[in-house]
Each structure stands twice: as C-alpha cells, then as structure tokens.
Amino acid sequence: MSKFIFASLVLAGFLAGCATSNTPDVVTHYDRFTGFRTDIIPDNLLEVTGDVREVVWLNASRVFKDQQDFDYYLEVHYEARAETGLINIAPGTSLVLVADSKEIKLKGSGSLNTHKSRGELVSEDALYNVSADELRAIANAQKVKVKIIGRNGLVERDFTPINFQKFKKFVTNYVDGGS
C-alpha cells in the first residue's frame, strides 16, 4: 500500500510539474552532423481527470530528410507505474484519432524497441507517419478523441484547449506556413 501511495505521489508531482511548465509550443532542433532540422510540439500531455493510471503525450513533428523534403509524424509517449505496466503498443494500426467524427487511423511499427523502466515508472513510445491533411483535420476539429491500442489494453484521451492550441500553432507555422 505504501508503494502505491509513494508512486501516486511521484506521478502526481510529475504531472503538477508539467502543468506549470513554460515549455514552448514548438521547439526546433538541428542535427549537429547533417544540419537537418526537426520541428516538434514537445510535452503535449493529454490530460485526464480522476484517477490517473497512466499518462500519455501526443507530440507532432516535422522531420527534414534533406534541405527541402520532410515528413510529418505523431509520437505517442505512454508512461505508467510499474504495477500498471505497459500497454505494449502494437505494430500496425494502433493510433486512432476521431476528429469531429472523422476517424483517422494511423499505422506504426509499435513500441517494442522503446520500452524503458525508471524506478517505479515504465514507458514506451510509438511513431506514426501522418499527412498534412490529417494534421489539419486534427488542428481544426472541435473535438478530438485519441485511442492508443496496445496488446495489453486500450488508452483513450480527449484533446483539451491546450492540445488544440499547440496543434493549431504547429499547423499554422509548420504545415501551412512553410517555415
């Protein structure tokens, strides 16, 4: 029981720290070897009310392949207490977003090689190619539901105003704006 309380307090403290963070909506990184750029929405926490079993982030990025060509991605980062465990995000269609009743099904390679353990916490990541039109649909929707499908379960979250703000800024500046 005391382990559960401790882990809950650690997780609550972590979430409280994220809530007060002044992380910019979009961050740009340059690869020190190639000079190629990556623009990313960092720390886009999909918040939930009530009991927190796990926390989920959905980050968007634009990754340059050379000086002019790039791809867009969505990255799921899942984190939970060790006793809750991983959901083992499956390869294939394992990320589904419902943007104003339009279903966007995304395929990825799953999270197999990304499993990590840090003390009482476990985490996994999965990456998905996404089109500019799909990013626009997400950013311009009134309501977005995120479904992450794993071998050990399903996690669902709804976008909050801050998630919409971050996606709209990303689409405006890095999809439509051509920065």
C-alpha atoms as a PDB file:
ATOM      1  CA  MET A   1       0.000   0.000   0.000  1.00  0.00           C
ATOM      2  CA  SER A   2       2.792   2.446   0.877  1.00  0.00           C
ATOM      3  CA  LYS A   3       4.448   1.716  -2.502  1.00  0.00           C
ATOM      4  CA  PHE A   4       1.164   2.631  -4.207  1.00  0.00           C
ATOM      5  CA  ILE A   5       0.872   5.896  -2.260  1.00  0.00           C
ATOM      6  CA  PHE A   6       4.517   6.751  -2.973  1.00  0.00           C
ATOM      7  CA  ALA A   7       4.160   6.021  -6.686  1.00  0.00           C
ATOM      8  CA  SER A   8       0.924   8.022  -6.799  1.00  0.00           C
ATOM      9  CA  LEU A   9       2.613  11.000  -5.147  1.00  0.00           C
ATOM     10  CA  VAL A  10       5.573  10.793  -7.531  1.00  0.00           C
ATOM     11  CA  LEU A  11       3.228  10.649 -10.516  1.00  0.00           C
ATOM     12  CA  ALA A  12       1.067  13.494  -9.155  1.00  0.00           C
ATOM     13  CA  GLY A  13       4.166  15.627  -8.563  1.00  0.00           C
ATOM     14  CA  PHE A  14       5.363  14.895 -12.063  1.00  0.00           C
ATOM     15  CA  LEU A  15       2.003  15.910 -13.520  1.00  0.00           C
ATOM     16  CA  ALA A  16       1.860  19.057 -11.419  1.00  0.00           C
ATOM     17  CA  GLY A  17       5.315  19.997 -12.687  1.00  0.00           C
ATOM     18  CA  CYS A  18       4.135  19.523 -16.255  1.00  0.00           C
ATOM     19  CA  ALA A  19       1.081  21.672 -15.678  1.00  0.00           C
ATOM     20  CA  THR A  20       3.160  24.659 -14.607  1.00  0.00           C
ATOM     21  CA  SER A  21       5.852  24.182 -17.227  1.00  0.00           C
ATOM     22  CA  ASN A  22       6.609  27.015 -19.628  1.00  0.00           C
ATOM     23  CA  THR A  23       7.590  24.675 -22.458  1.00  0.00           C
ATOM     24  CA  PRO A  24       7.263  26.422 -25.826  1.00  0.00           C
ATOM     25  CA  ASP A  25       4.509  25.182 -28.147  1.00  0.00           C
ATOM     26  CA  VAL A  26       7.040  24.254 -30.848  1.00  0.00           C
ATOM     27  CA  VAL A  27      10.770  23.597 -30.498  1.00  0.00           C
ATOM     28  CA  THR A  28      13.297  23.385 -33.347  1.00  0.00           C
ATOM     29  CA  HIS A  29      16.332  21.099 -33.193  1.00  0.00           C
ATOM     30  CA  TYR A  30      19.193  20.894 -35.688  1.00  0.00           C
ATOM     31  CA  ASP A  31      21.114  17.646 -36.164  1.00  0.00           C
ATOM     32  CA  ARG A  32      24.723  18.502 -35.400  1.00  0.00           C
ATOM     33  CA  PHE A  33      26.039  16.175 -38.123  1.00  0.00           C
ATOM     34  CA  THR A  34      23.639  16.779 -41.017  1.00  0.00           C
ATOM     35  CA  GLY A  35      22.334  20.216 -40.093  1.00  0.00           C
ATOM     36  CA  PHE A  36      18.825  18.962 -40.853  1.00  0.00           C
ATOM     37  CA  ARG A  37      16.027  20.404 -38.816  1.00  0.00           C
ATOM     38  CA  THR A  38      13.244  18.893 -36.727  1.00  0.00           C
ATOM     39  CA  ASP A  39      10.307  20.994 -35.526  1.00  0.00           C
ATOM     40  CA  ILE A  40       8.348  19.362 -32.706  1.00  0.00           C
ATOM     41  CA  ILE A  41       5.467  20.009 -30.338  1.00  0.00           C
ATOM     42  CA  PRO A  42       7.098  18.896 -27.059  1.00  0.00           C
ATOM     43  CA  ASP A  43       5.347  17.760 -23.888  1.00  0.00           C
ATOM     44  CA  ASN A  44       1.819  17.717 -25.345  1.00  0.00           C
ATOM     45  CA  LEU A  45       0.248  15.962 -22.368  1.00  0.00           C
ATOM     46  CA  LEU A  46      -3.225  14.531 -22.952  1.00  0.00           C
ATOM     47  CA  GLU A  47      -4.699  15.310 -19.556  1.00  0.00           C
ATOM     48  CA  VAL A  48      -7.338  13.273 -17.785  1.00  0.00           C
ATOM     49  CA  THR A  49      -9.470  13.952 -14.732  1.00  0.00           C
ATOM     50  CA  GLY A  50     -10.000  11.473 -11.929  1.00  0.00           C
ATOM     51  CA  ASP A  51      -7.762   8.553 -11.067  1.00  0.00           C
ATOM     52  CA  VAL A  52      -4.567   8.548 -13.107  1.00  0.00           C
ATOM     53  CA  ARG A  53      -3.306   5.077 -14.029  1.00  0.00           C
ATOM     54  CA  GLU A  54      -1.079   6.301 -16.825  1.00  0.00           C
ATOM     55  CA  VAL A  55      -0.056   9.495 -18.579  1.00  0.00           C
ATOM     56  CA  VAL A  56       0.066   9.967 -22.337  1.00  0.00           C
ATOM     57  CA  TRP A  57       1.643  12.579 -24.580  1.00  0.00           C
ATOM     58  CA  LEU A  58       0.877  13.072 -28.276  1.00  0.00           C
ATOM     59  CA  ASN A  59       3.597  15.113 -29.963  1.00  0.00           C
ATOM     60  CA  ALA A  60       3.697  16.206 -33.609  1.00  0.00           C
ATOM     61  CA  SER A  61       6.882  16.763 -35.579  1.00  0.00           C
ATOM     62  CA  ARG A  62       8.223  17.750 -38.952  1.00  0.00           C
ATOM     63  CA  VAL A  63      11.481  15.939 -39.715  1.00  0.00           C
ATOM     64  CA  PHE A  64      13.628  17.071 -42.635  1.00  0.00           C
ATOM     65  CA  LYS A  65      15.187  14.357 -44.833  1.00  0.00           C
ATOM     66  CA  ASP A  66      17.333  16.918 -46.672  1.00  0.00           C
ATOM     67  CA  GLN A  67      17.249  20.706 -47.060  1.00  0.00           C
ATOM     68  CA  GLN A  68      13.775  20.728 -48.677  1.00  0.00           C
ATOM     69  CA  ASP A  69      11.978  17.409 -48.146  1.00  0.00           C
ATOM     70  CA  PHE A  70      10.386  16.433 -44.860  1.00  0.00           C
ATOM     71  CA  ASP A  71       7.885  14.063 -43.263  1.00  0.00           C
ATOM     72  CA  TYR A  72       5.305  14.660 -40.544  1.00  0.00           C
ATOM     73  CA  TYR A  73       4.954  12.341 -37.562  1.00  0.00           C
ATOM     74  CA  LEU A  74       2.848  11.842 -34.473  1.00  0.00           C
ATOM     75  CA  GLU A  75       4.628  10.339 -31.488  1.00  0.00           C
ATOM     76  CA  VAL A  76       2.830   8.646 -28.608  1.00  0.00           C
ATOM     77  CA  HIS A  77       4.666   8.564 -25.293  1.00  0.00           C
ATOM     78  CA  TYR A  78       2.999   6.350 -22.665  1.00  0.00           C
ATOM     79  CA  GLU A  79       4.130   6.284 -19.034  1.00  0.00           C
ATOM     80  CA  ALA A  80       2.725   4.421 -16.021  1.00  0.00           C
ATOM     81  CA  ARG A  81       3.599   2.964 -12.651  1.00  0.00           C
ATOM     82  CA  ALA A  82       5.397  -0.371 -12.917  1.00  0.00           C
ATOM     83  CA  GLU A  83       2.450  -2.215 -11.349  1.00  0.00           C
ATOM     84  CA  THR A  84       0.129  -0.776 -14.013  1.00  0.00           C
ATOM     85  CA  GLY A  85       2.566  -1.864 -16.698  1.00  0.00           C
ATOM     86  CA  LEU A  86       2.963  -1.122 -20.366  1.00  0.00           C
ATOM     87  CA  ILE A  87       0.171  -1.409 -22.898  1.00  0.00           C
ATOM     88  CA  ASN A  88       2.663  -2.753 -25.472  1.00  0.00           C
ATOM     89  CA  ILE A  89       1.618  -0.578 -28.394  1.00  0.00           C
ATOM     90  CA  ALA A  90       1.106  -2.962 -31.273  1.00  0.00           C
ATOM     91  CA  PRO A  91       2.562  -2.670 -34.779  1.00  0.00           C
ATOM     92  CA  GLY A  92       0.055  -1.759 -37.466  1.00  0.00           C
ATOM     93  CA  THR A  93      -2.992   0.420 -36.875  1.00  0.00           C
ATOM     94  CA  SER A  94      -2.541   1.274 -33.207  1.00  0.00           C
ATOM     95  CA  LEU A  95      -3.306   5.008 -33.119  1.00  0.00           C
ATOM     96  CA  VAL A  96      -6.811   6.169 -33.972  1.00  0.00           C
ATOM     97  CA  LEU A  97      -7.900   9.787 -33.714  1.00  0.00           C
ATOM     98  CA  VAL A  98     -11.532  10.774 -34.089  1.00  0.00           C
ATOM     99  CA  ALA A  99     -11.628  14.414 -35.193  1.00  0.00           C
ATOM    100  CA  ASP A 100     -15.232  15.658 -35.299  1.00  0.00           C
ATOM    101  CA  SER A 101     -16.476  12.119 -36.035  1.00  0.00           C
ATOM    102  CA  LYS A 102     -13.890  11.622 -38.829  1.00  0.00           C
ATOM    103  CA  GLU A 103     -11.735   8.618 -37.981  1.00  0.00           C
ATOM    104  CA  ILE A 104      -8.007   8.915 -38.712  1.00  0.00           C
ATOM    105  CA  LYS A 105      -6.307   5.518 -38.464  1.00  0.00           C
ATOM    106  CA  LEU A 106      -2.517   5.601 -38.307  1.00  0.00           C
ATOM    107  CA  LYS A 107      -0.091   2.717 -38.710  1.00  0.00           C
ATOM    108  CA  GLY A 108       3.239   2.449 -36.962  1.00  0.00           C
ATOM    109  CA  SER A 109       5.889  -0.080 -36.034  1.00  0.00           C
ATOM    110  CA  GLY A 110       4.754  -0.299 -32.409  1.00  0.00           C
ATOM    111  CA  SER A 111       6.736   0.292 -29.250  1.00  0.00           C
ATOM    112  CA  LEU A 112       8.732  -2.932 -28.918  1.00  0.00           C
ATOM    113  CA  ASN A 113      12.224  -1.367 -29.001  1.00  0.00           C
ATOM    114  CA  THR A 114      11.314   1.638 -26.856  1.00  0.00           C
ATOM    115  CA  HIS A 115      10.341   0.054 -23.523  1.00  0.00           C
ATOM    116  CA  LYS A 116      12.060   1.761 -20.587  1.00  0.00           C
ATOM    117  CA  SER A 117      11.979   1.392 -16.830  1.00  0.00           C
ATOM    118  CA  ARG A 118      12.983   4.144 -14.380  1.00  0.00           C
ATOM    119  CA  GLY A 119      12.445   3.142 -10.779  1.00  0.00           C
ATOM    120  CA  GLU A 120       8.697   2.903 -10.194  1.00  0.00           C
ATOM    121  CA  LEU A 121       7.832   4.054 -13.741  1.00  0.00           C
ATOM    122  CA  VAL A 122       7.731   2.320 -17.121  1.00  0.00           C
ATOM    123  CA  SER A 123       7.376   3.966 -20.517  1.00  0.00           C
ATOM    124  CA  GLU A 124       7.106   3.241 -24.217  1.00  0.00           C
ATOM    125  CA  ASP A 125       7.000   5.283 -27.426  1.00  0.00           C
ATOM    126  CA  ALA A 126       5.480   4.744 -30.854  1.00  0.00           C
ATOM    127  CA  LEU A 127       5.905   6.805 -34.028  1.00  0.00           C
ATOM    128  CA  TYR A 128       3.379   7.279 -36.847  1.00  0.00           C
ATOM    129  CA  ASN A 129       3.622   8.932 -40.256  1.00  0.00           C
ATOM    130  CA  VAL A 130       0.837  11.472 -40.667  1.00  0.00           C
ATOM    131  CA  SER A 131      -0.156  13.612 -43.637  1.00  0.00           C
ATOM    132  CA  ALA A 132      -0.508  17.384 -43.713  1.00  0.00           C
ATOM    133  CA  ASP A 133      -4.251  16.980 -44.336  1.00  0.00           C
ATOM    134  CA  GLU A 134      -4.598  14.712 -41.298  1.00  0.00           C
ATOM    135  CA  LEU A 135      -2.759  17.268 -39.141  1.00  0.00           C
ATOM    136  CA  ARG A 136      -5.091  19.996 -40.427  1.00  0.00           C
ATOM    137  CA  ALA A 137      -8.138  17.858 -39.609  1.00  0.00           C
ATOM    138  CA  ILE A 138      -6.870  17.377 -36.046  1.00  0.00           C
ATOM    139  CA  ALA A 139      -5.978  21.043 -35.525  1.00  0.00           C
ATOM    140  CA  ASN A 140      -9.239  22.378 -36.963  1.00  0.00           C
ATOM    141  CA  ALA A 141     -11.593  19.946 -35.211  1.00  0.00           C
ATOM    142  CA  GLN A 142     -13.901  20.984 -32.402  1.00  0.00           C
ATOM    143  CA  LYS A 143     -13.401  17.641 -30.643  1.00  0.00           C
ATOM    144  CA  VAL A 144     -10.611  15.055 -30.878  1.00  0.00           C
ATOM    145  CA  LYS A 145     -10.565  11.656 -29.186  1.00  0.00           C
ATOM    146  CA  VAL A 146      -7.263   9.752 -29.145  1.00  0.00           C
ATOM    147  CA  LYS A 147      -7.231   5.948 -28.944  1.00  0.00           C
ATOM    148  CA  ILE A 148      -3.962   4.087 -28.397  1.00  0.00           C
ATOM    149  CA  ILE A 149      -4.238   0.358 -28.986  1.00  0.00           C
ATOM    150  CA  GLY A 150      -1.873  -1.997 -27.220  1.00  0.00           C
ATOM    151  CA  ARG A 151      -1.636  -5.725 -26.757  1.00  0.00           C
ATOM    152  CA  ASN A 152      -2.366  -5.190 -23.048  1.00  0.00           C
ATOM    153  CA  GLY A 153      -5.164  -2.661 -23.363  1.00  0.00           C
ATOM    154  CA  LEU A 154      -6.610   0.496 -24.838  1.00  0.00           C
ATOM    155  CA  VAL A 155      -5.999   4.053 -23.636  1.00  0.00           C
ATOM    156  CA  GLU A 156      -8.387   6.845 -24.628  1.00  0.00           C
ATOM    157  CA  ARG A 157      -7.968  10.570 -24.133  1.00  0.00           C
ATOM    158  CA  ASP A 158      -9.723  13.723 -25.332  1.00  0.00           C
ATOM    159  CA  PHE A 159      -7.983  16.875 -26.504  1.00  0.00           C
ATOM    160  CA  THR A 160      -8.184  19.836 -24.148  1.00  0.00           C
ATOM    161  CA  PRO A 161      -7.934  23.502 -25.193  1.00  0.00           C
ATOM    162  CA  ILE A 162      -4.148  23.491 -24.695  1.00  0.00           C
ATOM    163  CA  ASN A 163      -3.756  20.481 -27.036  1.00  0.00           C
ATOM    164  CA  PHE A 164      -5.773  22.277 -29.710  1.00  0.00           C
ATOM    165  CA  GLN A 165      -3.714  25.443 -29.204  1.00  0.00           C
ATOM    166  CA  LYS A 166      -0.454  23.561 -29.737  1.00  0.00           C
ATOM    167  CA  PHE A 167      -1.687  21.685 -32.816  1.00  0.00           C
ATOM    168  CA  LYS A 168      -3.164  24.844 -34.385  1.00  0.00           C
ATOM    169  CA  LYS A 169       0.103  26.706 -33.906  1.00  0.00           C
ATOM    170  CA  PHE A 170       2.081  23.800 -35.372  1.00  0.00           C
ATOM    171  CA  VAL A 171      -0.188  23.542 -38.427  1.00  0.00           C
ATOM    172  CA  THR A 172      -0.253  27.305 -38.966  1.00  0.00           C
ATOM    173  CA  ASN A 173       3.521  27.710 -38.769  1.00  0.00           C
ATOM    174  CA  TYR A 174       4.948  24.390 -39.974  1.00  0.00           C
ATOM    175  CA  VAL A 175       2.335  22.836 -42.258  1.00  0.00           C
ATOM    176  CA  ASP A 176       0.581  25.779 -43.907  1.00  0.00           C
ATOM    177  CA  GLY A 177       3.161  28.476 -43.197  1.00  0.00           C
ATOM    178  CA  GLY A 178       6.120  26.648 -44.680  1.00  0.00           C
ATOM    179  CA  SER A 179       8.593  27.882 -42.046  1.00  0.00           C
END
